[in-house]
C-alpha atoms as a PDB file:
ATOM      1  CA  MET A   1      -5.365  15.460 -28.043  1.00  0.00           C
ATOM      2  CA  VAL A   2      -2.284  15.720 -25.404  1.00  0.00           C
ATOM      3  CA  LYS A   3      -4.357  14.494 -23.003  1.00  0.00           C
ATOM      4  CA  LEU A   4      -5.561  11.367 -24.936  1.00  0.00           C
ATOM      5  CA  GLU A   5      -1.827  10.845 -26.125  1.00  0.00           C
ATOM      6  CA  LEU A   6      -1.038  11.037 -22.697  1.00  0.00           C
ATOM      7  CA  ALA A   7      -3.620   8.696 -21.131  1.00  0.00           C
ATOM      8  CA  GLU A   8      -2.993   6.107 -24.026  1.00  0.00           C
ATOM      9  CA  ALA A   9       1.066   6.113 -23.332  1.00  0.00           C
ATOM     10  CA  LEU A  10       0.280   5.671 -19.620  1.00  0.00           C
ATOM     11  CA  LYS A  11      -2.577   2.750 -20.024  1.00  0.00           C
ATOM     12  CA  GLN A  12      -0.022   1.012 -22.725  1.00  0.00           C
ATOM     13  CA  THR A  13       2.528   1.171 -20.069  1.00  0.00           C
ATOM     14  CA  ALA A  14       0.142  -0.217 -17.548  1.00  0.00           C
ATOM     15  CA  ASP A  15      -1.204  -2.911 -19.683  1.00  0.00           C
ATOM     16  CA  ARG A  16       2.792  -3.895 -19.770  1.00  0.00           C
ATOM     17  CA  ILE A  17       3.313  -4.138 -15.972  1.00  0.00           C
ATOM     18  CA  TYR A  18       0.359  -6.020 -15.316  1.00  0.00           C
ATOM     19  CA  ALA A  19       1.298  -8.071 -18.217  1.00  0.00           C
ATOM     20  CA  TYR A  20       4.849  -8.443 -16.458  1.00  0.00           C
ATOM     21  CA  MET A  21       3.189  -9.443 -13.087  1.00  0.00           C
ATOM     22  CA  LEU A  22       1.558 -12.173 -14.627  1.00  0.00           C
ATOM     23  CA  ASP A  23       4.659 -14.069 -16.402  1.00  0.00           C
ATOM     24  CA  ASP A  24       5.769 -17.341 -14.772  1.00  0.00           C
ATOM     25  CA  HIS A  25       7.893 -16.155 -11.988  1.00  0.00           C
ATOM     26  CA  THR A  26       8.144 -19.336  -9.530  1.00  0.00           C
ATOM     27  CA  GLY A  27      10.550 -19.622  -7.082  1.00  0.00           C
ATOM     28  CA  ASN A  28      11.007 -15.714  -7.457  1.00  0.00           C
ATOM     29  CA  TRP A  29      10.355 -14.361  -4.402  1.00  0.00           C
ATOM     30  CA  GLY A  30      10.100 -10.693  -5.309  1.00  0.00           C
ATOM     31  CA  LEU A  31       7.638 -11.443  -8.231  1.00  0.00           C
ATOM     32  CA  ASP A  32       6.087 -15.179  -7.844  1.00  0.00           C
ATOM     33  CA  ILE A  33       2.234 -14.201  -7.424  1.00  0.00           C
ATOM     34  CA  GLY A  34       1.542 -17.802  -7.350  1.00  0.00           C
ATOM     35  CA  HIS A  35       1.490 -17.922  -3.030  1.00  0.00           C
ATOM     36  CA  TRP A  36      -0.040 -16.502  -0.285  1.00  0.00           C
ATOM     37  CA  ASP A  37       1.649 -13.034   1.215  1.00  0.00           C
ATOM     38  CA  TRP A  38       1.913  -9.680   1.425  1.00  0.00           C
ATOM     39  CA  VAL A  39       3.901  -9.225  -1.937  1.00  0.00           C
ATOM     40  CA  PRO A  40       1.116 -11.133  -3.968  1.00  0.00           C
ATOM     41  CA  GLY A  41      -1.573  -9.298  -1.915  1.00  0.00           C
ATOM     42  CA  VAL A  42       0.301  -5.625  -3.086  1.00  0.00           C
ATOM     43  CA  GLY A  43       0.050  -7.437  -6.309  1.00  0.00           C
ATOM     44  CA  VAL A  44      -3.673  -8.197  -6.418  1.00  0.00           C
ATOM     45  CA  ILE A  45      -4.783  -5.018  -4.821  1.00  0.00           C
ATOM     46  CA  ALA A  46      -3.293  -2.953  -7.750  1.00  0.00           C
ATOM     47  CA  ILE A  47      -4.335  -5.760 -10.287  1.00  0.00           C
ATOM     48  CA  LEU A  48      -8.014  -4.291  -8.588  1.00  0.00           C
ATOM     49  CA  SER A  49      -7.050  -1.047  -8.770  1.00  0.00           C
ATOM     50  CA  TYR A  50      -6.287  -1.464 -12.983  1.00  0.00           C
ATOM     51  CA  TYR A  51      -9.091  -3.454 -13.128  1.00  0.00           C
ATOM     52  CA  GLU A  52     -11.694  -1.011 -11.611  1.00  0.00           C
ATOM     53  CA  LYS A  53     -10.275   2.076 -13.931  1.00  0.00           C
ATOM     54  CA  LEU A  54     -10.789   0.175 -16.721  1.00  0.00           C
ATOM     55  CA  GLU A  55     -13.067  -2.556 -16.426  1.00  0.00           C
ATOM     56  CA  GLN A  56     -11.578  -5.037 -18.843  1.00  0.00           C
ATOM     57  CA  PRO A  57     -13.216  -8.123 -18.036  1.00  0.00           C
ATOM     58  CA  GLU A  58     -10.187 -10.576 -18.585  1.00  0.00           C
ATOM     59  CA  VAL A  59      -8.484  -8.618 -15.928  1.00  0.00           C
ATOM     60  CA  LEU A  60     -11.506  -9.612 -13.033  1.00  0.00           C
ATOM     61  CA  ASP A  61     -11.581 -13.263 -14.120  1.00  0.00           C
ATOM     62  CA  ARG A  62      -7.398 -13.195 -13.245  1.00  0.00           C
ATOM     63  CA  LEU A  63      -8.398 -11.738 -10.330  1.00  0.00           C
ATOM     64  CA  VAL A  64     -11.083 -14.790  -9.479  1.00  0.00           C
ATOM     65  CA  ARG A  65      -8.802 -17.364 -10.968  1.00  0.00           C
ATOM     66  CA  TRP A  66      -5.869 -16.341  -8.377  1.00  0.00           C
ATOM     67  CA  THR A  67      -7.877 -16.611  -5.374  1.00  0.00           C
ATOM     68  CA  ALA A  68      -9.865 -19.919  -6.381  1.00  0.00           C
ATOM     69  CA  ASP A  69      -5.907 -21.480  -6.773  1.00  0.00           C
ATOM     70  CA  ASN A  70      -4.480 -19.566  -3.607  1.00  0.00           C
ATOM     71  CA  LEU A  71      -7.465 -19.505  -0.846  1.00  0.00           C
ATOM     72  CA  HIS A  72      -6.613 -22.845   0.217  1.00  0.00           C
ATOM     73  CA  GLN A  73      -3.055 -21.315   1.862  1.00  0.00           C
ATOM     74  CA  ALA A  74      -4.694 -18.501   3.260  1.00  0.00           C
ATOM     75  CA  GLU A  75      -5.720 -20.194   6.760  1.00  0.00           C
ATOM     76  CA  ARG A  76      -1.916 -21.210   7.265  1.00  0.00           C
ATOM     77  CA  GLN A  77      -0.852 -17.901   7.041  1.00  0.00           C
ATOM     78  CA  LYS A  78      -2.615 -15.931   9.677  1.00  0.00           C
ATOM     79  CA  VAL A  79      -0.459 -12.672  10.715  1.00  0.00           C
ATOM     80  CA  ILE A  80      -1.052  -9.166  10.230  1.00  0.00           C
ATOM     81  CA  ASN A  81       1.415  -8.760   7.070  1.00  0.00           C
ATOM     82  CA  SER A  82      -0.237 -11.402   5.050  1.00  0.00           C
ATOM     83  CA  MET A  83      -3.773 -10.149   5.213  1.00  0.00           C
ATOM     84  CA  ALA A  84      -3.380  -8.285   2.253  1.00  0.00           C
ATOM     85  CA  PRO A  85      -4.623 -10.635  -0.415  1.00  0.00           C
ATOM     86  CA  PHE A  86      -8.041 -10.288   1.602  1.00  0.00           C
ATOM     87  CA  ALA A  87      -8.419  -7.081   1.010  1.00  0.00           C
ATOM     88  CA  ILE A  88      -9.686  -7.829  -2.787  1.00  0.00           C
ATOM     89  CA  PHE A  89     -12.403  -9.861  -1.113  1.00  0.00           C
ATOM     90  CA  PRO A  90     -15.030  -7.401  -0.367  1.00  0.00           C
ATOM     91  CA  GLU A  91     -15.313  -6.089  -4.099  1.00  0.00           C
ATOM     92  CA  LEU A  92     -14.367  -9.866  -5.898  1.00  0.00           C
ATOM     93  CA  TYR A  93     -17.593 -10.868  -3.907  1.00  0.00           C
ATOM     94  CA  ARG A  94     -19.718  -7.495  -5.239  1.00  0.00           C
ATOM     95  CA  ARG A  95     -19.129  -8.359  -8.675  1.00  0.00           C
ATOM     96  CA  THR A  96     -19.503 -12.338  -8.212  1.00  0.00           C
ATOM     97  CA  GLN A  97     -21.502 -12.748  -5.285  1.00  0.00           C
ATOM     98  CA  ASP A  98     -19.301 -16.092  -4.268  1.00  0.00           C
ATOM     99  CA  SER A  99     -20.725 -16.821  -0.672  1.00  0.00           C
ATOM    100  CA  VAL A 100     -17.088 -18.463  -0.240  1.00  0.00           C
ATOM    101  CA  LEU A 101     -15.312 -14.903  -0.630  1.00  0.00           C
ATOM    102  CA  LEU A 102     -17.596 -13.467   2.161  1.00  0.00           C
ATOM    103  CA  GLU A 103     -17.293 -16.318   4.867  1.00  0.00           C
ATOM    104  CA  THR A 104     -13.765 -16.260   4.206  1.00  0.00           C
ATOM    105  CA  ALA A 105     -13.450 -12.589   4.569  1.00  0.00           C
ATOM    106  CA  ARG A 106     -15.615 -12.482   7.873  1.00  0.00           C
ATOM    107  CA  ARG A 107     -13.715 -15.228   9.348  1.00  0.00           C
ATOM    108  CA  ILE A 108     -10.391 -13.473   8.729  1.00  0.00           C
ATOM    109  CA  ALA A 109     -11.707 -10.040  10.039  1.00  0.00           C
ATOM    110  CA  ASP A 110     -12.930 -11.325  13.125  1.00  0.00           C
ATOM    111  CA  TRP A 111     -10.001 -13.162  13.809  1.00  0.00           C
ATOM    112  CA  MET A 112      -8.145  -9.590  13.631  1.00  0.00           C
ATOM    113  CA  LEU A 113     -10.683  -8.146  15.726  1.00  0.00           C
ATOM    114  CA  HIS A 114     -10.747 -10.557  18.202  1.00  0.00           C
ATOM    115  CA  GLU A 115      -7.427 -12.368  17.695  1.00  0.00           C
ATOM    116  CA  ALA A 116      -4.720 -10.983  16.498  1.00  0.00           C
ATOM    117  CA  PRO A 117      -1.448  -9.690  18.873  1.00  0.00           C
ATOM    118  CA  ARG A 118      -1.921  -6.276  19.664  1.00  0.00           C
ATOM    119  CA  THR A 119       0.798  -3.777  21.276  1.00  0.00           C
ATOM    120  CA  ARG A 120       0.068  -2.121  24.619  1.00  0.00           C
ATOM    121  CA  GLU A 121      -1.779   0.382  23.030  1.00  0.00           C
ATOM    122  CA  GLY A 122      -4.138  -1.444  21.000  1.00  0.00           C
ATOM    123  CA  ALA A 123      -2.063  -1.213  17.500  1.00  0.00           C
ATOM    124  CA  TRP A 124      -1.949  -4.705  15.872  1.00  0.00           C
ATOM    125  CA  GLU A 125       1.460  -6.120  16.436  1.00  0.00           C
ATOM    126  CA  HIS A 126       3.484  -6.472  12.831  1.00  0.00           C
ATOM    127  CA  THR A 127       3.508 -10.271  12.760  1.00  0.00           C
ATOM    128  CA  VAL A 128       4.956 -11.845   9.607  1.00  0.00           C
ATOM    129  CA  THR A 129       5.101 -15.426   7.715  1.00  0.00           C
ATOM    130  CA  GLU A 130       9.011 -15.066   7.789  1.00  0.00           C
ATOM    131  CA  ASN A 131      10.854 -16.931  10.898  1.00  0.00           C
ATOM    132  CA  ALA A 132      11.345 -13.604  12.743  1.00  0.00           C
ATOM    133  CA  SER A 133       9.468 -11.959  15.548  1.00  0.00           C
ATOM    134  CA  PHE A 134       9.089  -8.215  16.197  1.00  0.00           C
ATOM    135  CA  PRO A 135       7.682  -8.709  19.824  1.00  0.00           C
ATOM    136  CA  GLU A 136       5.430  -5.365  20.231  1.00  0.00           C
ATOM    137  CA  GLN A 137       6.280  -3.272  17.216  1.00  0.00           C
ATOM    138  CA  VAL A 138       4.125  -1.063  15.051  1.00  0.00           C
ATOM    139  CA  TRP A 139       5.209  -0.812  11.367  1.00  0.00           C
ATOM    140  CA  ALA A 140       3.544   1.678   9.023  1.00  0.00           C
ATOM    141  CA  ASP A 141       2.888  -1.299   6.303  1.00  0.00           C
ATOM    142  CA  THR A 142       0.370  -2.800   8.541  1.00  0.00           C
ATOM    143  CA  VAL A 143      -2.206   0.582   7.486  1.00  0.00           C
ATOM    144  CA  PHE A 144      -2.072  -0.578   3.758  1.00  0.00           C
ATOM    145  CA  MET A 145      -1.456  -4.626   4.660  1.00  0.00           C
ATOM    146  CA  ALA A 146      -4.357  -4.941   7.022  1.00  0.00           C
ATOM    147  CA  VAL A 147      -6.370  -1.683   7.809  1.00  0.00           C
ATOM    148  CA  LEU A 148      -7.307  -1.151   4.144  1.00  0.00           C
ATOM    149  CA  PHE A 149      -8.964  -4.889   4.724  1.00  0.00           C
ATOM    150  CA  MET A 150     -10.838  -4.288   7.705  1.00  0.00           C
ATOM    151  CA  ALA A 151     -12.047  -0.889   6.019  1.00  0.00           C
ATOM    152  CA  ARG A 152     -13.098  -2.605   2.999  1.00  0.00           C
ATOM    153  CA  MET A 153     -15.033  -5.046   5.054  1.00  0.00           C
ATOM    154  CA  GLY A 154     -16.811  -2.194   7.067  1.00  0.00           C
ATOM    155  CA  ARG A 155     -18.183  -0.567   3.827  1.00  0.00           C
ATOM    156  CA  LEU A 156     -19.273  -4.127   2.383  1.00  0.00           C
ATOM    157  CA  THR A 157     -20.955  -5.185   5.861  1.00  0.00           C
ATOM    158  CA  GLY A 158     -21.973  -2.243   7.350  1.00  0.00           C
ATOM    159  CA  ASP A 159     -20.459  -3.617  10.848  1.00  0.00           C
ATOM    160  CA  MET A 160     -19.994  -0.871  12.823  1.00  0.00           C
ATOM    161  CA  ALA A 161     -17.260  -3.010  14.689  1.00  0.00           C
ATOM    162  CA  TYR A 162     -15.350  -3.261  11.646  1.00  0.00           C
ATOM    163  CA  ILE A 163     -15.548  -0.006  10.685  1.00  0.00           C
ATOM    164  CA  SER A 164     -14.818   1.895  14.177  1.00  0.00           C
ATOM    165  CA  GLU A 165     -11.600  -0.847  14.209  1.00  0.00           C
ATOM    166  CA  ALA A 166     -10.314   0.328  10.807  1.00  0.00           C
ATOM    167  CA  LEU A 167     -10.406   3.912  12.110  1.00  0.00           C
ATOM    168  CA  ARG A 168      -8.924   3.218  15.448  1.00  0.00           C
ATOM    169  CA  GLN A 169      -5.866   1.537  13.793  1.00  0.00           C
ATOM    170  CA  LEU A 170      -5.108   3.743  11.105  1.00  0.00           C
ATOM    171  CA  GLU A 171      -5.480   6.898  13.870  1.00  0.00           C
ATOM    172  CA  LEU A 172      -2.922   4.783  16.117  1.00  0.00           C
ATOM    173  CA  HIS A 173      -0.246   4.028  13.741  1.00  0.00           C
ATOM    174  CA  LEU A 174      -0.158   7.865  12.665  1.00  0.00           C
ATOM    175  CA  GLU A 175       0.156   8.793  15.784  1.00  0.00           C
ATOM    176  CA  LEU A 176       2.632   6.294  16.883  1.00  0.00           C
ATOM    177  CA  LEU A 177       4.672   7.093  14.100  1.00  0.00           C
ATOM    178  CA  GLN A 178       4.579  10.560  12.948  1.00  0.00           C
ATOM    179  CA  GLU A 179       7.302  12.955  13.547  1.00  0.00           C
ATOM    180  CA  GLU A 180       5.928  16.452  15.064  1.00  0.00           C
ATOM    181  CA  ALA A 181       8.379  18.404  13.884  1.00  0.00           C
ATOM    182  CA  SER A 182       8.335  17.303  10.111  1.00  0.00           C
ATOM    183  CA  GLY A 183       4.867  15.672   9.808  1.00  0.00           C
ATOM    184  CA  VAL A 184       6.618  12.915   8.013  1.00  0.00           C
ATOM    185  CA  LEU A 185       7.094   8.918   9.375  1.00  0.00           C
ATOM    186  CA  PHE A 186       9.488   6.877  11.118  1.00  0.00           C
ATOM    187  CA  HIS A 187       9.522   3.308  10.022  1.00  0.00           C
ATOM    188  CA  GLY A 188       8.140   1.778  12.926  1.00  0.00           C
ATOM    189  CA  TRP A 189       7.753   2.113  16.607  1.00  0.00           C
ATOM    190  CA  ASN A 190       8.922  -0.354  19.455  1.00  0.00           C
ATOM    191  CA  CYS A 191       6.420  -0.425  22.232  1.00  0.00           C
ATOM    192  CA  ILE A 192       8.824  -2.131  24.903  1.00  0.00           C
ATOM    193  CA  ALA A 193      11.462   0.356  24.497  1.00  0.00           C
ATOM    194  CA  GLN A 194       9.151   3.680  23.542  1.00  0.00           C
ATOM    195  CA  ASN A 195      11.212   4.565  20.961  1.00  0.00           C
ATOM    196  CA  HIS A 196      11.761   4.688  17.415  1.00  0.00           C
ATOM    197  CA  MET A 197      14.331   1.738  16.906  1.00  0.00           C
ATOM    198  CA  SER A 198      16.531   3.418  14.271  1.00  0.00           C
ATOM    199  CA  ALA A 199      14.789   6.164  13.448  1.00  0.00           C
ATOM    200  CA  ALA A 200      14.600   5.748  10.044  1.00  0.00           C
ATOM    201  CA  ARG A 201      12.507   8.295   7.952  1.00  0.00           C
ATOM    202  CA  TRP A 202      11.886   5.387   5.478  1.00  0.00           C
ATOM    203  CA  THR A 203      10.173   6.289   1.843  1.00  0.00           C
ATOM    204  CA  ARG A 204       8.189   3.410   1.660  1.00  0.00           C
ATOM    205  CA  ALA A 205       6.917   2.939   5.217  1.00  0.00           C
ATOM    206  CA  ASN A 206       5.597   6.396   4.412  1.00  0.00           C
ATOM    207  CA  ALA A 207       4.147   5.442   0.896  1.00  0.00           C
ATOM    208  CA  TRP A 208       2.629   2.519   2.373  1.00  0.00           C
ATOM    209  CA  ILE A 209      -0.025   5.277   4.886  1.00  0.00           C
ATOM    210  CA  ALA A 210       0.369   7.917   1.991  1.00  0.00           C
ATOM    211  CA  VAL A 211      -1.687   5.461  -0.296  1.00  0.00           C
ATOM    212  CA  GLY A 212      -3.053   3.713   2.144  1.00  0.00           C
ATOM    213  CA  THR A 213      -4.943   6.633   3.871  1.00  0.00           C
ATOM    214  CA  PRO A 214      -7.108   7.685   0.737  1.00  0.00           C
ATOM    215  CA  MET A 215      -7.865   4.538   0.010  1.00  0.00           C
ATOM    216  CA  ILE A 216      -9.453   3.813   3.790  1.00  0.00           C
ATOM    217  CA  LEU A 217     -11.285   6.838   4.028  1.00  0.00           C
ATOM    218  CA  GLU A 218     -12.967   6.703   0.378  1.00  0.00           C
ATOM    219  CA  GLU A 219     -14.164   3.096   1.537  1.00  0.00           C
ATOM    220  CA  LEU A 220     -15.521   4.821   4.948  1.00  0.00           C
ATOM    221  CA  ALA A 221     -17.034   7.844   3.713  1.00  0.00           C
ATOM    222  CA  GLY A 222     -20.698   8.232   4.415  1.00  0.00           C
ATOM    223  CA  THR A 223     -20.169   5.156   7.534  1.00  0.00           C
ATOM    224  CA  ALA A 224     -18.787   7.085  10.182  1.00  0.00           C
ATOM    225  CA  THR A 225     -17.093  10.254  11.573  1.00  0.00           C
ATOM    226  CA  ILE A 226     -13.726  10.522  10.522  1.00  0.00           C
ATOM    227  CA  PRO A 227     -11.699  11.573  13.465  1.00  0.00           C
ATOM    228  CA  GLU A 228     -10.154  15.275  12.875  1.00  0.00           C
ATOM    229  CA  ALA A 229      -6.825  13.788  13.837  1.00  0.00           C
ATOM    230  CA  ILE A 230      -6.611  11.579  11.207  1.00  0.00           C
ATOM    231  CA  THR A 231      -6.907  14.137   8.504  1.00  0.00           C
ATOM    232  CA  THR A 232      -4.839  16.324   9.965  1.00  0.00           C
ATOM    233  CA  ARG A 233      -2.173  14.047  10.406  1.00  0.00           C
ATOM    234  CA  TYR A 234      -2.428  13.077   7.295  1.00  0.00           C
ATOM    235  CA  VAL A 235      -2.228  16.843   5.703  1.00  0.00           C
ATOM    236  CA  ARG A 236       0.752  17.661   7.810  1.00  0.00           C
ATOM    237  CA  LEU A 237       2.499  13.757   6.632  1.00  0.00           C
ATOM    238  CA  MET A 238       1.814  14.735   2.915  1.00  0.00           C
ATOM    239  CA  GLN A 239       3.098  17.954   3.125  1.00  0.00           C
ATOM    240  CA  GLY A 240       6.218  17.023   4.965  1.00  0.00           C
ATOM    241  CA  LEU A 241       6.704  14.268   2.059  1.00  0.00           C
ATOM    242  CA  ILE A 242       6.430  16.879  -0.735  1.00  0.00           C
ATOM    243  CA  GLY A 243       9.409  18.990   0.717  1.00  0.00           C
ATOM    244  CA  TYR A 244      11.316  16.133   0.554  1.00  0.00           C
ATOM    245  CA  GLN A 245      11.186  15.443  -3.055  1.00  0.00           C
ATOM    246  CA  ARG A 246      14.154  15.025  -5.499  1.00  0.00           C
ATOM    247  CA  ALA A 247      14.193  17.347  -8.820  1.00  0.00           C
ATOM    248  CA  ASP A 248      13.850  13.968 -10.733  1.00  0.00           C
ATOM    249  CA  GLY A 249      10.593  13.712  -8.933  1.00  0.00           C
ATOM    250  CA  LEU A 250      11.994  10.770  -7.001  1.00  0.00           C
ATOM    251  CA  TRP A 251      12.404   9.823  -3.111  1.00  0.00           C
ATOM    252  CA  PRO A 252      15.495   8.643  -1.918  1.00  0.00           C
ATOM    253  CA  THR A 253      15.340   5.737   0.057  1.00  0.00           C
ATOM    254  CA  VAL A 254      15.200   7.063   3.359  1.00  0.00           C
ATOM    255  CA  LEU A 255      13.484  10.543   2.865  1.00  0.00           C
ATOM    256  CA  ASP A 256      16.333  13.309   4.671  1.00  0.00           C
ATOM    257  CA  ARG A 257      19.277  11.303   3.334  1.00  0.00           C
ATOM    258  CA  GLU A 258      19.165  12.551  -0.535  1.00  0.00           C
ATOM    259  CA  ASP A 259      22.794  11.290  -0.811  1.00  0.00           C
ATOM    260  CA  PHE A 260      20.755   7.348  -0.917  1.00  0.00           C
ATOM    261  CA  TYR A 261      19.948   5.615  -3.828  1.00  0.00           C
ATOM    262  CA  PRO A 262      16.373   7.035  -5.056  1.00  0.00           C
ATOM    263  CA  GLU A 263      13.516   4.199  -4.590  1.00  0.00           C
ATOM    264  CA  THR A 264      10.683   3.527  -7.312  1.00  0.00           C
ATOM    265  CA  SER A 265       8.230   1.665  -4.936  1.00  0.00           C
ATOM    266  CA  GLY A 266       7.847   4.452  -2.220  1.00  0.00           C
ATOM    267  CA  SER A 267       8.218   7.250  -4.855  1.00  0.00           C
ATOM    268  CA  ALA A 268       5.201   5.502  -6.692  1.00  0.00           C
ATOM    269  CA  GLY A 269       2.726   5.187  -3.384  1.00  0.00           C
ATOM    270  CA  ILE A 270       3.383   8.635  -2.061  1.00  0.00           C
ATOM    271  CA  ALA A 271       2.772  10.489  -5.875  1.00  0.00           C
ATOM    272  CA  CYS A 272      -0.404   8.072  -5.588  1.00  0.00           C
ATOM    273  CA  GLY A 273      -1.251   8.937  -2.599  1.00  0.00           C
ATOM    274  CA  ILE A 274      -0.748  12.514  -3.492  1.00  0.00           C
ATOM    275  CA  ARG A 275      -3.461  12.066  -6.526  1.00  0.00           C
ATOM    276  CA  LYS A 276      -6.153  10.065  -4.213  1.00  0.00           C
ATOM    277  CA  ALA A 277      -5.845  12.669  -1.824  1.00  0.00           C
ATOM    278  CA  VAL A 278      -6.553  15.577  -3.882  1.00  0.00           C
ATOM    279  CA  ARG A 279      -9.610  13.725  -5.755  1.00  0.00           C
ATOM    280  CA  LEU A 280     -10.740  13.547  -1.997  1.00  0.00           C
ATOM    281  CA  ASN A 281     -10.716  16.894  -1.302  1.00  0.00           C
ATOM    282  CA  LEU A 282      -7.980  15.912   1.497  1.00  0.00           C
ATOM    283  CA  LEU A 283      -5.330  17.997  -0.325  1.00  0.00           C
ATOM    284  CA  ASP A 284      -5.284  21.510  -2.530  1.00  0.00           C
ATOM    285  CA  PRO A 285      -4.843  20.637  -5.994  1.00  0.00           C
ATOM    286  CA  ALA A 286      -2.333  22.439  -6.450  1.00  0.00           C
ATOM    287  CA  ASN A 287      -0.041  19.238  -5.104  1.00  0.00           C
ATOM    288  CA  LEU A 288      -1.045  17.661  -8.033  1.00  0.00           C
ATOM    289  CA  GLU A 289       1.960  19.315  -9.366  1.00  0.00           C
ATOM    290  CA  ALA A 290       4.765  17.257  -6.876  1.00  0.00           C
ATOM    291  CA  ALA A 291       2.532  14.277  -8.479  1.00  0.00           C
ATOM    292  CA  ASP A 292       3.135  14.953 -11.891  1.00  0.00           C
ATOM    293  CA  ARG A 293       6.386  14.956 -11.365  1.00  0.00           C
ATOM    294  CA  ALA A 294       7.118  12.167  -9.825  1.00  0.00           C
ATOM    295  CA  LEU A 295       5.055  10.488 -12.348  1.00  0.00           C
ATOM    296  CA  GLU A 296       7.247  11.563 -14.999  1.00  0.00           C
ATOM    297  CA  GLY A 297      10.207  10.173 -12.868  1.00  0.00           C
ATOM    298  CA  VAL A 298       8.608   6.771 -12.318  1.00  0.00           C
ATOM    299  CA  LEU A 299       7.916   6.217 -15.764  1.00  0.00           C
ATOM    300  CA  LYS A 300      11.696   6.397 -16.429  1.00  0.00           C
ATOM    301  CA  THR A 301      12.288   3.477 -14.488  1.00  0.00           C
ATOM    302  CA  VAL A 302       9.952   0.790 -16.532  1.00  0.00           C
ATOM    303  CA  LEU A 303      11.393  -0.863 -18.945  1.00  0.00           C
ATOM    304  CA  PRO A 304      10.269  -1.896 -22.493  1.00  0.00           C
ATOM    305  CA  THR A 305       9.373  -5.457 -20.970  1.00  0.00           C
ATOM    306  CA  GLY A 306       6.871  -3.658 -18.048  1.00  0.00           C
ATOM    307  CA  GLU A 307       9.808  -4.322 -15.433  1.00  0.00           C
ATOM    308  CA  VAL A 308       9.779  -1.814 -12.981  1.00  0.00           C
ATOM    309  CA  THR A 309      13.912  -0.742 -12.231  1.00  0.00           C
ATOM    310  CA  GLY A 310      14.981   0.551  -8.467  1.00  0.00           C
ATOM    311  CA  VAL A 311      12.630  -1.351  -6.495  1.00  0.00           C
ATOM    312  CA  SER A 312      14.291  -1.771  -3.043  1.00  0.00           C
ATOM    313  CA  GLY A 313      13.982  -5.368  -1.442  1.00  0.00           C
ATOM    314  CA  GLY A 314      12.105  -6.455   1.236  1.00  0.00           C
ATOM    315  CA  THR A 315      12.892  -4.528   4.047  1.00  0.00           C
ATOM    316  CA  PRO A 316      12.420  -4.766   8.007  1.00  0.00           C
ATOM    317  CA  VAL A 317      12.893  -2.227  10.345  1.00  0.00           C
ATOM    318  CA  MET A 318      17.035  -1.914   9.871  1.00  0.00           C
ATOM    319  CA  PRO A 319      19.185  -1.320  12.710  1.00  0.00           C
ATOM    320  CA  SER A 320      20.493   1.963  11.195  1.00  0.00           C
ATOM    321  CA  ILE A 321      20.019   4.330   9.110  1.00  0.00           C
ATOM    322  CA  GLU A 322      22.760   3.804   7.030  1.00  0.00           C
ATOM    323  CA  ALA A 323      21.608  -0.116   6.436  1.00  0.00           C
ATOM    324  CA  TYR A 324      18.408   1.411   4.484  1.00  0.00           C
ATOM    325  CA  ASN A 325      20.845   2.163   1.437  1.00  0.00           C
ATOM    326  CA  ALA A 326      22.236  -0.960   1.346  1.00  0.00           C
ATOM    327  CA  ILE A 327      19.340  -2.954   0.759  1.00  0.00           C
ATOM    328  CA  PRO A 328      19.587  -4.153  -2.912  1.00  0.00           C
ATOM    329  CA  GLN A 329      17.229  -3.530  -5.680  1.00  0.00           C
ATOM    330  CA  TYR A 330      15.637  -6.014  -7.609  1.00  0.00           C
ATOM    331  CA  PRO A 331      11.710  -6.216  -9.633  1.00  0.00           C
ATOM    332  CA  THR A 332       8.869  -7.024  -6.890  1.00  0.00           C
ATOM    333  CA  LEU A 333       5.035  -7.410  -7.176  1.00  0.00           C
ATOM    334  CA  TYR A 334       4.717  -4.228  -4.899  1.00  0.00           C
ATOM    335  CA  GLY A 335       7.093  -2.408  -6.989  1.00  0.00           C
ATOM    336  CA  GLN A 336       4.702  -3.496  -9.983  1.00  0.00           C
ATOM    337  CA  GLY A 337       2.203  -2.634  -8.681  1.00  0.00           C
ATOM    338  CA  LEU A 338       2.773   0.513  -6.301  1.00  0.00           C
ATOM    339  CA  VAL A 339       3.436   1.947  -9.880  1.00  0.00           C
ATOM    340  CA  LEU A 340       0.314   0.172 -11.937  1.00  0.00           C
ATOM    341  CA  MET A 341      -2.007   1.957  -8.626  1.00  0.00           C
ATOM    342  CA  LEU A 342      -0.350   5.511  -9.949  1.00  0.00           C
ATOM    343  CA  LEU A 343      -0.958   4.967 -13.309  1.00  0.00           C
ATOM    344  CA  ALA A 344      -4.704   3.574 -12.925  1.00  0.00           C
ATOM    345  CA  GLU A 345      -4.881   6.359 -10.465  1.00  0.00           C
ATOM    346  CA  ALA A 346      -3.173   9.190 -13.339  1.00  0.00           C
ATOM    347  CA  ILE A 347      -5.742   7.716 -16.339  1.00  0.00           C
ATOM    348  CA  GLU A 348      -8.490   9.350 -17.288  1.00  0.00           C
ATOM    349  CA  VAL A 349     -11.030   7.685 -18.871  1.00  0.00           C
ATOM    350  CA  LYS A 350     -14.169   9.111 -20.784  1.00  0.00           C
END
């Protein structure tokens, strides 16, 4: 009975978060789902996860409508960071058999394979829609925003070029960003300067790969041999992250700075990653204790309206570690989305 009551409580919270995401937030950068970029992209990826767990037809209908309403904007935003929305196309194609989805996804995947800017190591350069340039920089964000889509295209089509590229990019990002001593990740890598810039162990950067890696490996299961370096580095990452967890279950916005504010989106992403990794036998079930404590802490940040609080704003690689603590907090689709994904992973459905 307790488990059933908990599942229902989590579902109700997830429903409120989802509804808040669909409210009219026109003109609000963090919450406006009616445009094409990484922020709404994380939102729709999370909504798809929510749909896949609960199979509510109206949720799928909403995703199909969102795609139809916003697809015309996609080709104008050909940068790695705005690839995120395409990650829902393979599953929507399976469900609808709409050939436009498959044709568009193939065209974008081929652009990523052959034309997207790369660093000298071969990693995708982190390009953005904002008026900013980060030449030859590798960011952790790219794994969730772009590599996930490539993996899903590999699974859908069986195209080994897509599959191999997804694995290559995941391995490169782990190799270039991981700190050997702690196992956790730095926010970014500058291939020109050959350094990690401010060398911030930013929590949400770690979360993108913590949750993105098991999602990618689940897509590619049975399609190719997974390099041992990926699984070894991922386990070290997750063990390192759990070591930085605060007593309240959350993680500070920079992992090794417990005096910095606790950050909800990164905490939710890490906890979701733990749950997914345990389910896929990448991590020992004993690690669920950390995920449970995080879930308890994250739930306290959700208002009765469904708004997720304690989410740090958009964050490039900052010039100093202290600057991360000055990033303002406000509700965002990626904050809503990462919490929604955590709840979808935690809900037990009979």
